[in-house]
Amino acid sequence: MTTLDFAATRPTHAGIATTQLGDDLWRITRAGGEVLGYVERHVTAAGHRFTAKRMLQRQRRFLPIGDFWTIEDALDCFRF
């Protein structure tokens, strides 16, 4: 069996985990598996930016939360 590096799940903050889906995309879940949203990395002239998007299950859409300079800052918004 082949294991892909980008498919590995690793905890990052208390109560949430990330799954890297590609070079620039992470799925954010609770420890129980509930999907909270996604973080996407973009390259800008000033450097990398990380966009956090909250998943709204009932509406079947994403709500942009904001753009951040670090992935840690983007992940912080999913703790609440």
N, C-alpha and C. Protein backbone atom coordinates (compact mmCIF):
# COMPACT_ATOMS: atom_id res chain seq x y z
N MET A 1 0.84 -1.17 0.00
CA MET A 1 0.00 0.00 0.00
C MET A 1 0.89 1.24 0.00
N THR A 2 0.50 2.24 -0.78
CA THR A 2 1.23 3.50 -0.87
C THR A 2 0.59 4.53 0.04
N THR A 3 1.41 5.19 0.85
CA THR A 3 0.93 6.27 1.71
C THR A 3 1.43 7.58 1.15
N LEU A 4 0.52 8.50 0.94
CA LEU A 4 0.88 9.81 0.41
C LEU A 4 1.14 10.77 1.56
N ASP A 5 2.23 11.52 1.48
CA ASP A 5 2.59 12.45 2.55
C ASP A 5 1.50 13.48 2.80
N PHE A 6 0.88 13.99 1.74
CA PHE A 6 -0.10 15.05 1.91
C PHE A 6 -1.42 14.55 2.47
N ALA A 7 -1.61 13.25 2.57
CA ALA A 7 -2.86 12.70 3.09
C ALA A 7 -2.80 12.42 4.59
N ALA A 8 -1.65 12.63 5.20
CA ALA A 8 -1.50 12.33 6.63
C ALA A 8 -2.26 13.35 7.47
N THR A 9 -2.85 12.85 8.56
CA THR A 9 -3.56 13.72 9.49
C THR A 9 -2.66 13.98 10.68
N ARG A 10 -2.58 15.22 11.12
CA ARG A 10 -1.79 15.52 12.30
C ARG A 10 -2.53 16.55 13.13
N PRO A 11 -2.61 16.38 14.45
CA PRO A 11 -3.24 17.39 15.30
C PRO A 11 -2.39 18.65 15.33
N THR A 12 -3.02 19.79 15.39
CA THR A 12 -2.27 21.04 15.41
C THR A 12 -2.62 21.90 16.62
N HIS A 13 -3.86 21.96 16.99
CA HIS A 13 -4.33 22.72 18.14
C HIS A 13 -5.21 21.81 18.97
N ALA A 14 -5.37 22.14 20.23
CA ALA A 14 -6.23 21.33 21.10
C ALA A 14 -7.64 21.27 20.52
N GLY A 15 -8.13 20.06 20.31
CA GLY A 15 -9.51 19.88 19.85
C GLY A 15 -9.71 19.88 18.35
N ILE A 16 -8.68 20.25 17.55
CA ILE A 16 -8.85 20.21 16.11
C ILE A 16 -7.68 19.47 15.47
N ALA A 17 -7.92 18.98 14.27
CA ALA A 17 -6.89 18.28 13.50
C ALA A 17 -6.92 18.79 12.07
N THR A 18 -5.79 18.67 11.37
CA THR A 18 -5.73 19.07 9.97
C THR A 18 -5.38 17.87 9.12
N THR A 19 -5.93 17.86 7.91
CA THR A 19 -5.58 16.87 6.91
C THR A 19 -5.15 17.63 5.67
N GLN A 20 -3.90 17.47 5.27
CA GLN A 20 -3.43 18.17 4.08
C GLN A 20 -3.95 17.44 2.85
N LEU A 21 -4.72 18.15 2.03
CA LEU A 21 -5.35 17.57 0.84
C LEU A 21 -4.54 17.81 -0.43
N GLY A 22 -3.63 18.73 -0.38
CA GLY A 22 -2.79 19.07 -1.51
C GLY A 22 -1.70 20.00 -1.03
N ASP A 23 -0.92 20.54 -1.95
CA ASP A 23 0.16 21.43 -1.55
C ASP A 23 -0.33 22.67 -0.83
N ASP A 24 -1.52 23.15 -1.17
CA ASP A 24 -2.01 24.43 -0.65
C ASP A 24 -3.39 24.35 -0.02
N LEU A 25 -3.83 23.18 0.42
CA LEU A 25 -5.18 23.04 0.96
C LEU A 25 -5.19 22.06 2.13
N TRP A 26 -5.82 22.49 3.25
CA TRP A 26 -5.96 21.67 4.44
C TRP A 26 -7.41 21.62 4.87
N ARG A 27 -7.89 20.43 5.25
CA ARG A 27 -9.23 20.28 5.82
C ARG A 27 -9.07 20.33 7.34
N ILE A 28 -9.96 21.07 8.00
CA ILE A 28 -9.92 21.24 9.45
C ILE A 28 -11.10 20.48 10.06
N THR A 29 -10.82 19.59 11.02
CA THR A 29 -11.87 18.79 11.64
C THR A 29 -11.74 18.82 13.16
N ARG A 30 -12.84 18.51 13.83
CA ARG A 30 -12.80 18.26 15.28
C ARG A 30 -12.23 16.87 15.49
N ALA A 31 -11.86 16.56 16.72
CA ALA A 31 -11.30 15.25 17.04
C ALA A 31 -12.27 14.13 16.67
N GLY A 32 -13.58 14.38 16.73
CA GLY A 32 -14.59 13.38 16.39
C GLY A 32 -14.83 13.21 14.91
N GLY A 33 -14.20 14.02 14.07
CA GLY A 33 -14.33 13.89 12.62
C GLY A 33 -15.21 14.93 11.94
N GLU A 34 -15.91 15.76 12.72
CA GLU A 34 -16.77 16.80 12.13
C GLU A 34 -15.91 17.82 11.37
N VAL A 35 -16.25 18.06 10.10
CA VAL A 35 -15.51 19.03 9.29
C VAL A 35 -15.92 20.44 9.70
N LEU A 36 -14.92 21.24 10.07
CA LEU A 36 -15.17 22.64 10.45
C LEU A 36 -14.96 23.59 9.28
N GLY A 37 -14.02 23.26 8.40
CA GLY A 37 -13.75 24.13 7.27
C GLY A 37 -12.44 23.77 6.59
N TYR A 38 -11.89 24.75 5.89
CA TYR A 38 -10.68 24.55 5.11
C TYR A 38 -9.77 25.76 5.24
N VAL A 39 -8.47 25.53 5.08
CA VAL A 39 -7.49 26.61 4.98
C VAL A 39 -6.77 26.43 3.66
N GLU A 40 -6.70 27.52 2.90
CA GLU A 40 -6.06 27.49 1.59
C GLU A 40 -4.92 28.50 1.56
N ARG A 41 -3.77 28.10 1.02
CA ARG A 41 -2.60 28.98 0.93
C ARG A 41 -2.56 29.61 -0.46
N HIS A 42 -2.28 30.92 -0.48
CA HIS A 42 -2.14 31.67 -1.73
C HIS A 42 -0.79 32.39 -1.72
N VAL A 43 -0.20 32.51 -2.88
CA VAL A 43 1.04 33.26 -3.02
C VAL A 43 0.70 34.67 -3.45
N THR A 44 1.20 35.66 -2.72
CA THR A 44 1.01 37.07 -3.07
C THR A 44 2.38 37.73 -3.25
N ALA A 45 2.38 38.96 -3.70
CA ALA A 45 3.64 39.68 -3.86
C ALA A 45 4.35 39.87 -2.52
N ALA A 46 3.58 39.92 -1.43
CA ALA A 46 4.16 40.12 -0.10
C ALA A 46 4.52 38.81 0.59
N GLY A 47 4.17 37.68 0.00
CA GLY A 47 4.45 36.38 0.60
C GLY A 47 3.21 35.50 0.62
N HIS A 48 3.27 34.44 1.39
CA HIS A 48 2.13 33.52 1.48
C HIS A 48 1.05 34.09 2.38
N ARG A 49 -0.20 33.88 1.97
CA ARG A 49 -1.38 34.22 2.78
C ARG A 49 -2.20 32.95 2.94
N PHE A 50 -2.89 32.82 4.07
CA PHE A 50 -3.71 31.66 4.36
C PHE A 50 -5.14 32.10 4.56
N THR A 51 -6.05 31.60 3.73
CA THR A 51 -7.46 31.94 3.80
C THR A 51 -8.21 30.84 4.55
N ALA A 52 -8.91 31.23 5.61
CA ALA A 52 -9.72 30.29 6.39
C ALA A 52 -11.17 30.41 5.94
N LYS A 53 -11.82 29.25 5.72
CA LYS A 53 -13.22 29.22 5.31
C LYS A 53 -13.97 28.25 6.22
N ARG A 54 -15.01 28.73 6.87
CA ARG A 54 -15.85 27.91 7.75
C ARG A 54 -16.89 27.20 6.90
N MET A 55 -17.09 25.92 7.13
CA MET A 55 -18.09 25.15 6.40
C MET A 55 -19.43 25.27 7.13
N LEU A 56 -20.45 25.69 6.41
CA LEU A 56 -21.81 25.80 6.96
C LEU A 56 -22.59 24.60 6.44
N GLN A 57 -22.70 23.56 7.27
CA GLN A 57 -23.28 22.29 6.86
C GLN A 57 -24.71 22.43 6.35
N ARG A 58 -25.54 23.11 7.10
CA ARG A 58 -26.96 23.20 6.73
C ARG A 58 -27.19 23.98 5.44
N GLN A 59 -26.34 24.96 5.18
CA GLN A 59 -26.49 25.77 3.98
C GLN A 59 -25.67 25.25 2.81
N ARG A 60 -24.82 24.27 3.08
CA ARG A 60 -23.96 23.67 2.05
C ARG A 60 -23.12 24.71 1.32
N ARG A 61 -22.47 25.54 2.12
CA ARG A 61 -21.59 26.56 1.53
C ARG A 61 -20.48 26.89 2.52
N PHE A 62 -19.56 27.73 2.08
CA PHE A 62 -18.43 28.15 2.91
C PHE A 62 -18.54 29.63 3.21
N LEU A 63 -18.16 29.99 4.42
CA LEU A 63 -18.14 31.37 4.85
C LEU A 63 -16.69 31.78 5.05
N PRO A 64 -16.17 32.69 4.22
CA PRO A 64 -14.79 33.13 4.41
C PRO A 64 -14.64 33.82 5.77
N ILE A 65 -13.65 33.39 6.54
CA ILE A 65 -13.41 33.99 7.85
C ILE A 65 -12.39 35.11 7.75
N GLY A 66 -11.32 34.89 6.98
CA GLY A 66 -10.31 35.92 6.82
C GLY A 66 -9.04 35.39 6.22
N ASP A 67 -8.12 36.32 5.94
CA ASP A 67 -6.80 36.01 5.42
C ASP A 67 -5.77 36.27 6.51
N PHE A 68 -4.79 35.39 6.61
CA PHE A 68 -3.81 35.46 7.68
C PHE A 68 -2.41 35.27 7.12
N TRP A 69 -1.40 35.77 7.84
CA TRP A 69 -0.02 35.64 7.39
C TRP A 69 0.59 34.30 7.76
N THR A 70 0.03 33.61 8.79
CA THR A 70 0.56 32.31 9.18
C THR A 70 -0.58 31.29 9.23
N ILE A 71 -0.25 30.03 9.02
CA ILE A 71 -1.27 28.99 9.10
C ILE A 71 -1.75 28.84 10.53
N GLU A 72 -0.89 29.09 11.50
CA GLU A 72 -1.29 28.99 12.90
C GLU A 72 -2.40 29.99 13.23
N ASP A 73 -2.28 31.20 12.70
CA ASP A 73 -3.32 32.20 12.91
C ASP A 73 -4.64 31.79 12.23
N ALA A 74 -4.54 31.21 11.04
CA ALA A 74 -5.73 30.77 10.33
C ALA A 74 -6.40 29.62 11.10
N LEU A 75 -5.64 28.72 11.66
CA LEU A 75 -6.18 27.60 12.42
C LEU A 75 -6.82 28.05 13.73
N ASP A 76 -6.29 29.11 14.31
CA ASP A 76 -6.83 29.62 15.58
C ASP A 76 -8.31 29.95 15.51
N CYS A 77 -8.77 30.45 14.38
CA CYS A 77 -10.17 30.86 14.27
C CYS A 77 -11.14 29.67 14.30
N PHE A 78 -10.64 28.44 14.11
CA PHE A 78 -11.52 27.26 14.16
C PHE A 78 -11.68 26.71 15.57
N ARG A 79 -10.95 27.24 16.53
CA ARG A 79 -11.06 26.76 17.90
C ARG A 79 -12.34 27.20 18.56
N PHE A 80 -13.02 28.21 18.01
CA PHE A 80 -14.20 28.79 18.65
C PHE A 80 -15.48 28.39 17.95
